[in-house]
Amino acid sequence: MGDTEEVFRPYCGQAIEVVIDASAGSQEYVEDCEICCRPIVFTVRKDRLGEFSVNVRQENE
């Protein structure tokens, strides 16, 4: 299991816990919101120290 981070869905504002797959490194992917079914873009970044951060945004931002 990977690390987790809490983020807020950009359309409906509901908090979700995101599991970060550290073996994949930095990545960007789209998932539909489980509440409102709108697409959410997840951007996962790994910094120089090996720490991960997650940013979420609406697909059209």
C-alpha atoms as a PDB file:
ATOM      1  CA  MET A   1       0.000   0.000   0.000  1.00  0.00           C
ATOM      2  CA  GLY A   2       1.235   3.511  -0.781  1.00  0.00           C
ATOM      3  CA  ASP A   3       1.148   6.756   1.170  1.00  0.00           C
ATOM      4  CA  THR A   4      -2.106   8.691   1.406  1.00  0.00           C
ATOM      5  CA  GLU A   5      -2.992  12.357   1.185  1.00  0.00           C
ATOM      6  CA  GLU A   6      -6.315  14.106   1.733  1.00  0.00           C
ATOM      7  CA  VAL A   7      -7.518  16.389  -1.070  1.00  0.00           C
ATOM      8  CA  PHE A   8     -10.797  18.144  -1.844  1.00  0.00           C
ATOM      9  CA  ARG A   9     -12.730  17.379  -5.016  1.00  0.00           C
ATOM     10  CA  PRO A  10     -12.698  20.495  -7.225  1.00  0.00           C
ATOM     11  CA  TYR A  11     -16.388  20.396  -8.203  1.00  0.00           C
ATOM     12  CA  CYS A  12     -18.296  19.331  -5.105  1.00  0.00           C
ATOM     13  CA  GLY A  13     -15.700  20.075  -2.393  1.00  0.00           C
ATOM     14  CA  GLN A  14     -15.929  16.657  -0.731  1.00  0.00           C
ATOM     15  CA  ALA A  15     -12.715  15.450   0.935  1.00  0.00           C
ATOM     16  CA  ILE A  16     -11.171  12.215  -0.326  1.00  0.00           C
ATOM     17  CA  GLU A  17      -8.078  10.288   0.619  1.00  0.00           C
ATOM     18  CA  VAL A  18      -5.789   9.578  -2.325  1.00  0.00           C
ATOM     19  CA  VAL A  19      -3.423   6.598  -2.289  1.00  0.00           C
ATOM     20  CA  ILE A  20      -0.077   7.513  -3.850  1.00  0.00           C
ATOM     21  CA  ASP A  21       1.717   4.773  -5.778  1.00  0.00           C
ATOM     22  CA  ALA A  22       5.333   5.729  -5.044  1.00  0.00           C
ATOM     23  CA  SER A  23       6.647   3.216  -7.575  1.00  0.00           C
ATOM     24  CA  ALA A  24       5.056   5.220 -10.413  1.00  0.00           C
ATOM     25  CA  GLY A  25       6.926   8.469  -9.659  1.00  0.00           C
ATOM     26  CA  SER A  26       5.428  11.754 -10.853  1.00  0.00           C
ATOM     27  CA  GLN A  27       2.255  11.311 -12.871  1.00  0.00           C
ATOM     28  CA  GLU A  28      -0.975  12.893 -14.075  1.00  0.00           C
ATOM     29  CA  TYR A  29      -4.252  11.040 -14.551  1.00  0.00           C
ATOM     30  CA  VAL A  30      -8.015  11.641 -14.749  1.00  0.00           C
ATOM     31  CA  GLU A  31     -10.710   9.973 -12.641  1.00  0.00           C
ATOM     32  CA  ASP A  32     -14.415  10.693 -12.469  1.00  0.00           C
ATOM     33  CA  CYS A  33     -15.753  12.084  -9.187  1.00  0.00           C
ATOM     34  CA  GLU A  34     -17.733   9.411  -7.327  1.00  0.00           C
ATOM     35  CA  ILE A  35     -20.224  12.054  -6.167  1.00  0.00           C
ATOM     36  CA  CYS A  36     -20.954  14.179  -9.261  1.00  0.00           C
ATOM     37  CA  CYS A  37     -19.326  12.053 -12.041  1.00  0.00           C
ATOM     38  CA  ARG A  38     -17.290  14.989 -13.395  1.00  0.00           C
ATOM     39  CA  PRO A  39     -13.652  14.418 -14.441  1.00  0.00           C
ATOM     40  CA  ILE A  40     -10.930  15.308 -11.919  1.00  0.00           C
ATOM     41  CA  VAL A  41      -7.314  15.736 -13.016  1.00  0.00           C
ATOM     42  CA  PHE A  42      -4.863  14.397 -10.414  1.00  0.00           C
ATOM     43  CA  THR A  43      -1.252  15.582 -10.599  1.00  0.00           C
ATOM     44  CA  VAL A  44       1.229  13.705  -8.408  1.00  0.00           C
ATOM     45  CA  ARG A  45       4.722  15.159  -8.098  1.00  0.00           C
ATOM     46  CA  LYS A  46       7.821  13.806  -6.417  1.00  0.00           C
ATOM     47  CA  ASP A  47      10.324  16.390  -5.166  1.00  0.00           C
ATOM     48  CA  ARG A  48      14.119  16.102  -4.859  1.00  0.00           C
ATOM     49  CA  LEU A  49      13.786  14.700  -1.320  1.00  0.00           C
ATOM     50  CA  GLY A  50      11.441  11.942  -2.468  1.00  0.00           C
ATOM     51  CA  GLU A  51       8.327  13.524  -0.947  1.00  0.00           C
ATOM     52  CA  PHE A  52       5.071  13.392  -2.914  1.00  0.00           C
ATOM     53  CA  SER A  53       2.380  16.047  -3.298  1.00  0.00           C
ATOM     54  CA  VAL A  54      -1.043  15.726  -4.915  1.00  0.00           C
ATOM     55  CA  ASN A  55      -2.914  18.503  -6.708  1.00  0.00           C
ATOM     56  CA  VAL A  56      -6.447  18.140  -8.065  1.00  0.00           C
ATOM     57  CA  ARG A  57      -8.226  20.390 -10.541  1.00  0.00           C
ATOM     58  CA  GLN A  58     -11.177  20.520 -12.886  1.00  0.00           C
ATOM     59  CA  GLU A  59     -10.509  19.096 -16.314  1.00  0.00           C
ATOM     60  CA  ASN A  60     -11.053  22.441 -18.082  1.00  0.00           C
ATOM     61  CA  GLU A  61      -8.756  24.551 -15.835  1.00  0.00           C
END
